[in-house]
Protein backbone atom coordinates (compact mmCIF):
# COMPACT_ATOMS: atom_id res chain seq x y z
CA MET A 1 33.34 -15.48 17.77
CA ASP A 2 36.61 -14.64 15.37
CA TYR A 3 35.83 -13.61 11.89
CA GLY A 4 39.39 -12.64 11.09
CA ASP A 5 39.17 -15.54 8.03
CA LEU A 6 36.01 -15.19 6.80
CA ARG A 7 35.81 -13.28 3.35
CA SER A 8 32.08 -13.62 3.01
CA PHE A 9 28.75 -14.71 4.54
CA GLY A 10 27.04 -15.92 1.69
CA ASN A 11 23.47 -15.42 0.60
CA VAL A 12 21.37 -15.54 3.40
CA GLY A 13 17.78 -15.81 2.19
CA ASN A 14 16.87 -12.42 0.09
CA TRP A 15 20.02 -10.59 1.78
CA ILE A 16 23.80 -11.10 0.66
CA CYS A 17 25.64 -10.24 3.44
CA THR A 18 29.48 -9.51 3.07
CA GLN A 19 32.06 -8.68 5.36
CA GLU A 20 35.30 -6.99 3.89
CA ILE A 21 38.35 -8.26 5.67
CA PHE A 22 41.13 -5.17 6.00
CA MET A 23 44.33 -7.01 7.41
CA LYS A 24 46.37 -4.98 9.20
CA TYR A 25 49.89 -5.01 9.96
CA VAL A 26 52.03 -3.60 12.57
CA VAL A 27 55.84 -3.52 11.31
CA HIS A 28 59.07 -2.82 13.36
CA THR A 29 62.50 -2.78 11.02
CA ASP A 30 65.91 -1.64 12.01
CA GLY A 31 69.12 -1.65 10.33
CA GLY A 32 72.67 -0.84 11.65
CA ALA A 33 76.17 -0.99 10.82
CA ARG A 34 79.41 -1.22 12.88
CA GLY A 35 81.62 1.31 11.55
CA ASN A 36 79.42 3.28 9.18
CA PRO A 37 80.12 2.03 6.66
CA GLY A 38 81.22 -1.53 8.00
CA PRO A 39 79.42 -4.69 8.69
CA ALA A 40 75.51 -4.40 8.23
CA ALA A 41 72.69 -6.03 9.50
CA ILE A 42 68.79 -5.54 9.37
CA GLY A 43 65.97 -6.76 12.02
CA VAL A 44 62.30 -7.35 11.19
CA VAL A 45 59.15 -7.59 13.49
CA ILE A 46 56.19 -8.21 11.64
CA GLU A 47 52.57 -8.86 13.32
CA THR A 48 49.07 -8.58 12.97
CA ALA A 49 47.30 -5.51 14.93
CA GLN A 50 46.08 -8.04 16.88
CA GLY A 51 49.34 -9.14 18.02
CA LYS A 52 49.91 -12.16 16.59
CA LYS A 53 53.36 -12.75 15.09
CA ILE A 54 53.96 -13.25 11.21
CA ALA A 55 57.84 -12.96 11.16
CA GLU A 56 60.57 -12.12 12.84
CA PHE A 57 64.32 -12.22 11.72
CA GLY A 58 67.82 -10.84 11.25
CA LYS A 59 70.33 -10.93 8.03
CA ARG A 60 73.14 -9.99 7.47
CA ILE A 61 73.57 -7.56 4.24
CA GLY A 62 77.49 -7.16 4.26
CA GLU A 63 78.91 -3.92 4.38
CA THR A 64 77.04 -0.68 4.14
CA THR A 65 75.81 2.34 5.86
CA ASN A 66 73.01 2.45 8.82
CA ASN A 67 70.81 4.48 6.81
CA VAL A 68 70.98 2.03 3.88
CA ALA A 69 70.53 -0.70 6.30
CA GLU A 70 67.51 0.85 7.57
CA TYR A 71 66.18 0.93 4.34
CA VAL A 72 66.93 -2.55 3.31
CA ALA A 73 64.98 -3.68 6.38
CA LEU A 74 62.15 -2.27 5.50
CA ALA A 75 62.19 -3.46 1.79
CA GLN A 76 62.43 -7.10 3.35
CA ALA A 77 59.37 -6.36 5.75
CA LEU A 78 57.36 -5.06 2.71
CA LYS A 79 58.61 -7.86 0.39
CA TYR A 80 57.28 -10.24 3.07
CA ILE A 81 53.95 -9.22 3.62
CA LYS A 82 51.42 -10.69 1.07
CA ARG A 83 49.05 -8.13 -1.16
CA GLU A 84 45.75 -8.21 0.15
CA PRO A 85 42.47 -6.08 -0.60
CA GLY A 86 42.31 -2.98 1.83
CA ILE A 87 45.74 -4.02 3.32
CA GLU A 88 47.08 -1.37 6.16
CA ILE A 89 50.58 -1.26 7.16
CA ASP A 90 52.00 0.69 9.96
CA CYS A 91 55.87 0.53 9.90
CA TYR A 92 57.96 2.01 12.78
CA LEU A 93 61.48 2.80 12.40
CA ASP A 94 63.80 4.62 14.75
CA SER A 95 65.56 6.38 12.12
CA VAL A 96 64.14 10.12 12.08
CA LEU A 97 66.18 10.67 8.82
CA VAL A 98 64.86 7.65 6.74
CA VAL A 99 60.96 8.23 8.22
CA ASN A 100 61.41 11.95 7.31
CA GLN A 101 62.80 10.85 3.59
CA LEU A 102 59.93 8.30 3.13
CA MET A 103 57.15 10.99 4.25
CA GLY A 104 58.65 13.53 1.79
CA THR A 105 59.64 15.95 4.59
CA PHE A 106 63.47 15.75 3.90
CA LYS A 107 64.70 15.38 0.39
CA VAL A 108 67.02 12.37 -0.51
CA LYS A 109 70.25 13.61 -1.95
CA ASP A 110 72.52 10.25 -1.67
CA SER A 111 71.72 8.16 -5.11
CA LYS A 112 71.83 4.48 -3.24
CA LEU A 113 69.14 5.91 -0.85
CA ARG A 114 67.02 7.20 -3.64
CA GLU A 115 67.45 4.05 -5.49
CA LEU A 116 66.36 2.26 -2.46
CA LEU A 117 63.40 4.48 -1.83
CA MET A 118 62.46 4.02 -5.37
CA GLN A 119 62.02 0.55 -4.16
CA ILE A 120 60.08 0.85 -1.14
CA ARG A 121 57.51 3.24 -3.47
CA GLY A 122 57.28 0.03 -6.09
CA LEU A 123 56.88 -2.17 -3.46
CA GLU A 124 54.22 0.18 -1.76
CA GLN A 125 52.21 0.01 -5.05
CA ASP A 126 52.38 -3.34 -5.33
CA LEU A 127 51.12 -4.17 -1.99
CA GLY A 128 48.00 -1.72 -2.74
CA GLY A 129 46.19 -0.36 0.10
CA VAL A 130 47.87 2.13 2.72
CA VAL A 131 51.45 2.29 4.37
CA ARG A 132 52.36 4.71 7.27
CA TYR A 133 55.44 5.32 8.72
CA HIS A 134 56.14 6.58 12.17
CA VAL A 135 59.14 7.14 14.01
CA VAL A 136 59.74 5.49 17.55
CA PRO A 137 62.04 5.60 20.17
CA ARG A 138 64.94 3.28 20.09
CA GLU A 139 63.36 1.56 23.16
CA ASN A 140 60.33 1.13 21.49
CA ASN A 141 62.08 -0.79 18.49
CA ALA A 142 63.84 -3.10 20.63
CA ARG A 143 63.12 -6.75 19.13
CA ALA A 144 64.19 -5.48 15.88
CA ASP A 145 67.02 -4.03 17.18
CA PHE A 146 67.96 -7.30 18.81
CA PHE A 147 67.70 -9.38 15.75
CA VAL A 148 70.14 -6.87 13.96
CA ASN A 149 72.61 -7.19 16.76
CA GLN A 150 71.98 -11.11 16.93
CA ALA A 151 73.02 -11.25 13.23
CA LEU A 152 76.00 -8.97 13.90
CA ASP A 153 77.43 -11.01 17.07
CA ASN A 154 76.52 -14.10 15.22
CA HIS A 155 78.53 -13.46 12.37
CA LEU A 156 81.36 -12.18 14.22
CA ILE A 157 81.47 -14.95 16.58
CA GLY A 158 81.34 -17.58 13.76
């Protein structure tokens, strides 16, 4: 039996049974620019921890750098997810630089990236819960990368 949407079992005799639901999301994001800087796009894939697709999309974001596109992709993903009590989000990116900046291991020297980092921090606070960042090899981020390239290719064709 699936209790995924059940918020409370209610009053059972003298017992009050509650079940706190902790929604867990798995997010894959990617950003890319052809020319760096150049035409740029993002790719986002959001699923539940059980593998149910919540959203997946690619979008052109104008002319910018790869690193800016990586941050924008993550911000778009976090904006898409709704605030829920006890939420947990595992974010997978193939950018070692961006993940290390998000985790505080690397300093953020570029002013535009620092601004985007602050935007991400605000989104983390708005969501509540836990947001974790992980570096994955590019081949483990293929679906998000697909949406980046699709957005760039479709724009160039049309």
